[in-house]
Amino acid sequence: MSTNCRGSGDKRAAHVKRPMNAFMVWAQAARRRLADQHPQLHNAELSKTLGKLWRCELGKLRAPGHVERGESSFMIFKL
């Protein structure tokens, strides 16, 4: 009798996929554009570049004190 770590096929058919996070949604479109502009880059290099671009853009959008306000509200919720 063989065991399957993933479970039976019936369970996989009923499985609901998690939605993509904001980075994944953005990267899906940005990867295509970047790959068209730089066809010589490997996928790993594309991924590194996308991560750097995302962090750079995210830093520009963050207001000063935003992280601190989020952390303090989390601590209130946690209590």
PDB file of N, CA and C in Angstrom:
ATOM      1  N   MET A   1       0.849  -1.172   0.000  1.00  0.00           N
ATOM      2  CA  MET A   1       0.000   0.000   0.000  1.00  0.00           C
ATOM      3  C   MET A   1       0.897   1.239   0.000  1.00  0.00           C
ATOM      4  N   SER A   2       0.743   2.089  -0.994  1.00  0.00           N
ATOM      5  CA  SER A   2       1.586   3.279  -1.053  1.00  0.00           C
ATOM      6  C   SER A   2       0.858   4.467  -0.445  1.00  0.00           C
ATOM      7  N   THR A   3       1.611   5.305   0.215  1.00  0.00           N
ATOM      8  CA  THR A   3       1.022   6.501   0.806  1.00  0.00           C
ATOM      9  C   THR A   3       1.468   7.713   0.014  1.00  0.00           C
ATOM     10  N   ASN A   4       0.591   8.638  -0.113  1.00  0.00           N
ATOM     11  CA  ASN A   4       0.887   9.859  -0.850  1.00  0.00           C
ATOM     12  C   ASN A   4       0.869  11.019   0.123  1.00  0.00           C
ATOM     13  N   CYS A   5       1.961  11.756   0.208  1.00  0.00           N
ATOM     14  CA  CYS A   5       2.060  12.873   1.148  1.00  0.00           C
ATOM     15  C   CYS A   5       1.082  13.993   0.817  1.00  0.00           C
ATOM     16  N   ARG A   6       0.737  14.130  -0.436  1.00  0.00           N
ATOM     17  CA  ARG A   6      -0.149  15.213  -0.845  1.00  0.00           C
ATOM     18  C   ARG A   6      -1.625  14.870  -0.663  1.00  0.00           C
ATOM     19  N   GLY A   7      -1.936  13.666  -0.359  1.00  0.00           N
ATOM     20  CA  GLY A   7      -3.335  13.293  -0.179  1.00  0.00           C
ATOM     21  C   GLY A   7      -3.914  12.747  -1.466  1.00  0.00           C
ATOM     22  N   SER A   8      -5.195  12.497  -1.445  1.00  0.00           N
ATOM     23  CA  SER A   8      -5.840  11.919  -2.620  1.00  0.00           C
ATOM     24  C   SER A   8      -6.152  12.997  -3.644  1.00  0.00           C
ATOM     25  N   GLY A   9      -6.433  12.585  -4.846  1.00  0.00           N
ATOM     26  CA  GLY A   9      -6.763  13.512  -5.925  1.00  0.00           C
ATOM     27  C   GLY A   9      -8.042  14.272  -5.667  1.00  0.00           C
ATOM     28  N   ASP A  10      -8.971  13.688  -4.908  1.00  0.00           N
ATOM     29  CA  ASP A  10     -10.233  14.358  -4.617  1.00  0.00           C
ATOM     30  C   ASP A  10     -10.008  15.616  -3.787  1.00  0.00           C
ATOM     31  N   LYS A  11      -9.088  15.552  -2.846  1.00  0.00           N
ATOM     32  CA  LYS A  11      -8.821  16.706  -1.995  1.00  0.00           C
ATOM     33  C   LYS A  11      -8.196  17.840  -2.802  1.00  0.00           C
ATOM     34  N   ARG A  12      -7.320  17.495  -3.740  1.00  0.00           N
ATOM     35  CA  ARG A  12      -6.680  18.522  -4.557  1.00  0.00           C
ATOM     36  C   ARG A  12      -7.687  19.232  -5.440  1.00  0.00           C
ATOM     37  N   ALA A  13      -8.691  18.532  -5.917  1.00  0.00           N
ATOM     38  CA  ALA A  13      -9.699  19.144  -6.777  1.00  0.00           C
ATOM     39  C   ALA A  13     -10.520  20.165  -5.990  1.00  0.00           C
ATOM     40  N   ALA A  14     -10.715  19.943  -4.691  1.00  0.00           N
ATOM     41  CA  ALA A  14     -11.524  20.838  -3.875  1.00  0.00           C
ATOM     42  C   ALA A  14     -10.692  21.952  -3.242  1.00  0.00           C
ATOM     43  N   HIS A  15      -9.389  21.885  -3.397  1.00  0.00           N
ATOM     44  CA  HIS A  15      -8.500  22.870  -2.771  1.00  0.00           C
ATOM     45  C   HIS A  15      -8.675  24.241  -3.411  1.00  0.00           C
ATOM     46  N   VAL A  16      -8.796  25.266  -2.570  1.00  0.00           N
ATOM     47  CA  VAL A  16      -8.897  26.640  -3.051  1.00  0.00           C
ATOM     48  C   VAL A  16      -7.528  27.284  -2.913  1.00  0.00           C
ATOM     49  N   LYS A  17      -7.013  27.822  -4.022  1.00  0.00           N
ATOM     50  CA  LYS A  17      -5.703  28.447  -3.997  1.00  0.00           C
ATOM     51  C   LYS A  17      -5.754  29.768  -3.245  1.00  0.00           C
ATOM     52  N   ARG A  18      -4.659  30.069  -2.559  1.00  0.00           N
ATOM     53  CA  ARG A  18      -4.552  31.363  -1.878  1.00  0.00           C
ATOM     54  C   ARG A  18      -4.391  32.452  -2.926  1.00  0.00           C
ATOM     55  N   PRO A  19      -4.940  33.626  -2.676  1.00  0.00           N
ATOM     56  CA  PRO A  19      -4.743  34.722  -3.629  1.00  0.00           C
ATOM     57  C   PRO A  19      -3.296  35.220  -3.586  1.00  0.00           C
ATOM     58  N   MET A  20      -2.856  35.780  -4.692  1.00  0.00           N
ATOM     59  CA  MET A  20      -1.496  36.308  -4.749  1.00  0.00           C
ATOM     60  C   MET A  20      -1.407  37.584  -3.914  1.00  0.00           C
ATOM     61  N   ASN A  21      -0.256  37.773  -3.282  1.00  0.00           N
ATOM     62  CA  ASN A  21      -0.052  39.011  -2.539  1.00  0.00           C
ATOM     63  C   ASN A  21       0.264  40.138  -3.516  1.00  0.00           C
ATOM     64  N   ALA A  22       0.370  41.357  -3.011  1.00  0.00           N
ATOM     65  CA  ALA A  22       0.556  42.531  -3.867  1.00  0.00           C
ATOM     66  C   ALA A  22       1.834  42.428  -4.692  1.00  0.00           C
ATOM     67  N   PHE A  23       2.910  41.932  -4.108  1.00  0.00           N
ATOM     68  CA  PHE A  23       4.156  41.801  -4.850  1.00  0.00           C
ATOM     69  C   PHE A  23       3.997  40.841  -6.014  1.00  0.00           C
ATOM     70  N   MET A  24       3.367  39.724  -5.787  1.00  0.00           N
ATOM     71  CA  MET A  24       3.219  38.727  -6.845  1.00  0.00           C
ATOM     72  C   MET A  24       2.363  39.248  -7.997  1.00  0.00           C
ATOM     73  N   VAL A  25       1.319  39.991  -7.676  1.00  0.00           N
ATOM     74  CA  VAL A  25       0.470  40.568  -8.720  1.00  0.00           C
ATOM     75  C   VAL A  25       1.280  41.563  -9.541  1.00  0.00           C
ATOM     76  N   TRP A  26       2.016  42.428  -8.855  1.00  0.00           N
ATOM     77  CA  TRP A  26       2.842  43.430  -9.535  1.00  0.00           C
ATOM     78  C   TRP A  26       3.946  42.765 -10.344  1.00  0.00           C
ATOM     79  N   ALA A  27       4.621  41.784  -9.753  1.00  0.00           N
ATOM     80  CA  ALA A  27       5.764  41.140 -10.398  1.00  0.00           C
ATOM     81  C   ALA A  27       5.363  40.354 -11.634  1.00  0.00           C
ATOM     82  N   GLN A  28       4.158  39.834 -11.652  1.00  0.00           N
ATOM     83  CA  GLN A  28       3.698  39.052 -12.799  1.00  0.00           C
ATOM     84  C   GLN A  28       3.733  39.907 -14.069  1.00  0.00           C
ATOM     85  N   ALA A  29       3.254  41.135 -13.984  1.00  0.00           N
ATOM     86  CA  ALA A  29       3.260  42.022 -15.146  1.00  0.00           C
ATOM     87  C   ALA A  29       4.641  42.636 -15.362  1.00  0.00           C
ATOM     88  N   ALA A  30       5.301  43.025 -14.271  1.00  0.00           N
ATOM     89  CA  ALA A  30       6.607  43.676 -14.385  1.00  0.00           C
ATOM     90  C   ALA A  30       7.656  42.712 -14.934  1.00  0.00           C
ATOM     91  N   ARG A  31       7.558  41.432 -14.618  1.00  0.00           N
ATOM     92  CA  ARG A  31       8.525  40.441 -15.116  1.00  0.00           C
ATOM     93  C   ARG A  31       8.468  40.361 -16.636  1.00  0.00           C
ATOM     94  N   ARG A  32       7.262  40.392 -17.188  1.00  0.00           N
ATOM     95  CA  ARG A  32       7.129  40.337 -18.653  1.00  0.00           C
ATOM     96  C   ARG A  32       7.790  41.552 -19.306  1.00  0.00           C
ATOM     97  N   ARG A  33       7.510  42.740 -18.749  1.00  0.00           N
ATOM     98  CA  ARG A  33       8.094  43.962 -19.313  1.00  0.00           C
ATOM     99  C   ARG A  33       9.618  43.939 -19.209  1.00  0.00           C
ATOM    100  N   LEU A  34      10.124  43.537 -18.039  1.00  0.00           N
ATOM    101  CA  LEU A  34      11.565  43.498 -17.825  1.00  0.00           C
ATOM    102  C   LEU A  34      12.223  42.460 -18.728  1.00  0.00           C
ATOM    103  N   ALA A  35      11.598  41.321 -18.913  1.00  0.00           N
ATOM    104  CA  ALA A  35      12.142  40.272 -19.777  1.00  0.00           C
ATOM    105  C   ALA A  35      12.159  40.725 -21.237  1.00  0.00           C
ATOM    106  N   ASP A  36      11.156  41.500 -21.648  1.00  0.00           N
ATOM    107  CA  ASP A  36      11.139  42.024 -23.015  1.00  0.00           C
ATOM    108  C   ASP A  36      12.249  43.049 -23.221  1.00  0.00           C
ATOM    109  N   GLN A  37      12.513  43.860 -22.199  1.00  0.00           N
ATOM    110  CA  GLN A  37      13.552  44.879 -22.298  1.00  0.00           C
ATOM    111  C   GLN A  37      14.957  44.287 -22.214  1.00  0.00           C
ATOM    112  N   HIS A  38      15.112  43.206 -21.440  1.00  0.00           N
ATOM    113  CA  HIS A  38      16.426  42.587 -21.213  1.00  0.00           C
ATOM    114  C   HIS A  38      16.323  41.074 -21.431  1.00  0.00           C
ATOM    115  N   PRO A  39      16.242  40.626 -22.691  1.00  0.00           N
ATOM    116  CA  PRO A  39      16.066  39.189 -22.946  1.00  0.00           C
ATOM    117  C   PRO A  39      17.264  38.332 -22.545  1.00  0.00           C
ATOM    118  N   GLN A  40      18.429  38.943 -22.338  1.00  0.00           N
ATOM    119  CA  GLN A  40      19.624  38.176 -21.987  1.00  0.00           C
ATOM    120  C   GLN A  40      19.648  37.784 -20.507  1.00  0.00           C
ATOM    121  N   LEU A  41      18.807  38.412 -19.662  1.00  0.00           N
ATOM    122  CA  LEU A  41      18.817  38.119 -18.230  1.00  0.00           C
ATOM    123  C   LEU A  41      18.145  36.786 -17.926  1.00  0.00           C
ATOM    124  N   HIS A  42      18.750  36.042 -17.011  1.00  0.00           N
ATOM    125  CA  HIS A  42      18.151  34.794 -16.549  1.00  0.00           C
ATOM    126  C   HIS A  42      17.031  35.104 -15.564  1.00  0.00           C
ATOM    127  N   ASN A  43      16.183  34.129 -15.324  1.00  0.00           N
ATOM    128  CA  ASN A  43      15.030  34.316 -14.439  1.00  0.00           C
ATOM    129  C   ASN A  43      15.457  34.718 -13.030  1.00  0.00           C
ATOM    130  N   ALA A  44      16.549  34.160 -12.536  1.00  0.00           N
ATOM    131  CA  ALA A  44      17.019  34.503 -11.185  1.00  0.00           C
ATOM    132  C   ALA A  44      17.403  35.978 -11.110  1.00  0.00           C
ATOM    133  N   GLU A  45      18.072  36.475 -12.143  1.00  0.00           N
ATOM    134  CA  GLU A  45      18.451  37.891 -12.171  1.00  0.00           C
ATOM    135  C   GLU A  45      17.225  38.782 -12.285  1.00  0.00           C
ATOM    136  N   LEU A  46      16.237  38.345 -13.068  1.00  0.00           N
ATOM    137  CA  LEU A  46      14.980  39.088 -13.165  1.00  0.00           C
ATOM    138  C   LEU A  46      14.320  39.190 -11.798  1.00  0.00           C
ATOM    139  N   SER A  47      14.310  38.087 -11.067  1.00  0.00           N
ATOM    140  CA  SER A  47      13.687  38.072  -9.747  1.00  0.00           C
ATOM    141  C   SER A  47      14.395  39.017  -8.783  1.00  0.00           C
ATOM    142  N   LYS A  48      15.723  39.022  -8.800  1.00  0.00           N
ATOM    143  CA  LYS A  48      16.483  39.923  -7.928  1.00  0.00           C
ATOM    144  C   LYS A  48      16.181  41.379  -8.273  1.00  0.00           C
ATOM    145  N   THR A  49      16.134  41.680  -9.562  1.00  0.00           N
ATOM    146  CA  THR A  49      15.862  43.042 -10.006  1.00  0.00           C
ATOM    147  C   THR A  49      14.458  43.469  -9.609  1.00  0.00           C
ATOM    148  N   LEU A  50      13.496  42.572  -9.769  1.00  0.00           N
ATOM    149  CA  LEU A  50      12.124  42.882  -9.381  1.00  0.00           C
ATOM    150  C   LEU A  50      12.026  43.157  -7.886  1.00  0.00           C
ATOM    151  N   GLY A  51      12.729  42.380  -7.084  1.00  0.00           N
ATOM    152  CA  GLY A  51      12.722  42.599  -5.642  1.00  0.00           C
ATOM    153  C   GLY A  51      13.292  43.956  -5.272  1.00  0.00           C
ATOM    154  N   LYS A  52      14.386  44.344  -5.927  1.00  0.00           N
ATOM    155  CA  LYS A  52      14.987  45.652  -5.660  1.00  0.00           C
ATOM    156  C   LYS A  52      14.050  46.774  -6.081  1.00  0.00           C
ATOM    157  N   LEU A  53      13.430  46.639  -7.256  1.00  0.00           N
ATOM    158  CA  LEU A  53      12.490  47.657  -7.719  1.00  0.00           C
ATOM    159  C   LEU A  53      11.298  47.781  -6.775  1.00  0.00           C
ATOM    160  N   TRP A  54      10.786  46.651  -6.310  1.00  0.00           N
ATOM    161  CA  TRP A  54       9.636  46.650  -5.399  1.00  0.00           C
ATOM    162  C   TRP A  54       9.983  47.356  -4.087  1.00  0.00           C
ATOM    163  N   ARG A  55      11.139  47.018  -3.514  1.00  0.00           N
ATOM    164  CA  ARG A  55      11.546  47.651  -2.261  1.00  0.00           C
ATOM    165  C   ARG A  55      11.754  49.148  -2.440  1.00  0.00           C
ATOM    166  N   CYS A  56      12.310  49.542  -3.571  1.00  0.00           N
ATOM    167  CA  CYS A  56      12.546  50.960  -3.850  1.00  0.00           C
ATOM    168  C   CYS A  56      11.212  51.703  -3.956  1.00  0.00           C
ATOM    169  N   GLU A  57      10.276  51.161  -4.701  1.00  0.00           N
ATOM    170  CA  GLU A  57       8.967  51.800  -4.864  1.00  0.00           C
ATOM    171  C   GLU A  57       8.192  51.817  -3.557  1.00  0.00           C
ATOM    172  N   LEU A  58       8.292  50.734  -2.798  1.00  0.00           N
ATOM    173  CA  LEU A  58       7.580  50.644  -1.531  1.00  0.00           C
ATOM    174  C   LEU A  58       8.108  51.678  -0.549  1.00  0.00           C
ATOM    175  N   GLY A  59       9.419  51.885  -0.554  1.00  0.00           N
ATOM    176  CA  GLY A  59      10.024  52.887   0.320  1.00  0.00           C
ATOM    177  C   GLY A  59       9.547  54.287  -0.007  1.00  0.00           C
ATOM    178  N   LYS A  60       9.331  54.579  -1.277  1.00  0.00           N
ATOM    179  CA  LYS A  60       8.844  55.894  -1.687  1.00  0.00           C
ATOM    180  C   LYS A  60       7.404  56.118  -1.241  1.00  0.00           C
ATOM    181  N   LEU A  61       6.615  55.053  -1.214  1.00  0.00           N
ATOM    182  CA  LEU A  61       5.205  55.175  -0.869  1.00  0.00           C
ATOM    183  C   LEU A  61       4.966  55.247   0.629  1.00  0.00           C
ATOM    184  N   ARG A  62       5.896  54.727   1.414  1.00  0.00           N
ATOM    185  CA  ARG A  62       5.728  54.700   2.865  1.00  0.00           C
ATOM    186  C   ARG A  62       5.835  56.095   3.461  1.00  0.00           C
ATOM    187  N   ALA A  63       4.866  56.437   4.263  1.00  0.00           N
ATOM    188  CA  ALA A  63       4.927  57.719   4.969  1.00  0.00           C
ATOM    189  C   ALA A  63       5.759  57.531   6.235  1.00  0.00           C
ATOM    190  N   PRO A  64       6.467  58.567   6.678  1.00  0.00           N
ATOM    191  CA  PRO A  64       7.238  58.437   7.922  1.00  0.00           C
ATOM    192  C   PRO A  64       6.315  58.089   9.091  1.00  0.00           C
ATOM    193  N   GLY A  65       6.725  57.121   9.867  1.00  0.00           N
ATOM    194  CA  GLY A  65       5.931  56.727  11.025  1.00  0.00           C
ATOM    195  C   GLY A  65       4.878  55.679  10.722  1.00  0.00           C
ATOM    196  N   HIS A  66       4.727  55.313   9.459  1.00  0.00           N
ATOM    197  CA  HIS A  66       3.693  54.350   9.095  1.00  0.00           C
ATOM    198  C   HIS A  66       3.935  52.985   9.745  1.00  0.00           C
ATOM    199  N   VAL A  67       5.180  52.551   9.730  1.00  0.00           N
ATOM    200  CA  VAL A  67       5.510  51.246  10.318  1.00  0.00           C
ATOM    201  C   VAL A  67       5.267  51.264  11.812  1.00  0.00           C
ATOM    202  N   GLU A  68       5.654  52.352  12.467  1.00  0.00           N
ATOM    203  CA  GLU A  68       5.469  52.441  13.912  1.00  0.00           C
ATOM    204  C   GLU A  68       3.982  52.416  14.279  1.00  0.00           C
ATOM    205  N   ARG A  69       3.166  53.126  13.511  1.00  0.00           N
ATOM    206  CA  ARG A  69       1.721  53.114  13.790  1.00  0.00           C
ATOM    207  C   ARG A  69       1.152  51.709  13.610  1.00  0.00           C
ATOM    208  N   GLY A  70       1.619  51.004  12.589  1.00  0.00           N
ATOM    209  CA  GLY A  70       1.150  49.642  12.356  1.00  0.00           C
ATOM    210  C   GLY A  70       1.546  48.707  13.479  1.00  0.00           C
ATOM    211  N   GLU A  71       2.781  48.853  13.948  1.00  0.00           N
ATOM    212  CA  GLU A  71       3.248  48.001  15.040  1.00  0.00           C
ATOM    213  C   GLU A  71       2.491  48.289  16.325  1.00  0.00           C
ATOM    214  N   SER A  72       2.205  49.555  16.600  1.00  0.00           N
ATOM    215  CA  SER A  72       1.498  49.880  17.831  1.00  0.00           C
ATOM    216  C   SER A  72       0.058  49.370  17.787  1.00  0.00           C
ATOM    217  N   SER A  73      -0.574  49.446  16.620  1.00  0.00           N
ATOM    218  CA  SER A  73      -1.947  48.934  16.534  1.00  0.00           C
ATOM    219  C   SER A  73      -1.956  47.415  16.644  1.00  0.00           C
ATOM    220  N   PHE A  74      -0.889  46.759  16.159  1.00  0.00           N
ATOM    221  CA  PHE A  74      -0.790  45.311  16.299  1.00  0.00           C
ATOM    222  C   PHE A  74      -0.652  44.929  17.760  1.00  0.00           C
ATOM    223  N   MET A  75       0.145  45.684  18.503  1.00  0.00           N
ATOM    224  CA  MET A  75       0.339  45.390  19.912  1.00  0.00           C
ATOM    225  C   MET A  75      -0.970  45.569  20.690  1.00  0.00           C
ATOM    226  N   ILE A  76      -1.750  46.579  20.343  1.00  0.00           N
ATOM    227  CA  ILE A  76      -3.047  46.782  20.987  1.00  0.00           C
ATOM    228  C   ILE A  76      -3.961  45.607  20.683  1.00  0.00           C
ATOM    229  N   PHE A  77      -3.949  45.152  19.423  1.00  0.00           N
ATOM    230  CA  PHE A  77      -4.788  44.022  19.021  1.00  0.00           C
ATOM    231  C   PHE A  77      -4.347  42.752  19.728  1.00  0.00           C
ATOM    232  N   LYS A  78      -3.029  42.600  19.882  1.00  0.00           N
ATOM    233  CA  LYS A  78      -2.485  41.400  20.490  1.00  0.00           C
ATOM    234  C   LYS A  78      -2.872  41.273  21.960  1.00  0.00           C
ATOM    235  N   LEU A  79      -2.994  42.414  22.653  1.00  0.00           N
ATOM    236  CA  LEU A  79      -3.359  42.407  24.068  1.00  0.00           C
ATOM    237  C   LEU A  79      -4.781  41.985  24.187  1.00  0.00           C
TER     238      LEU A  79
END
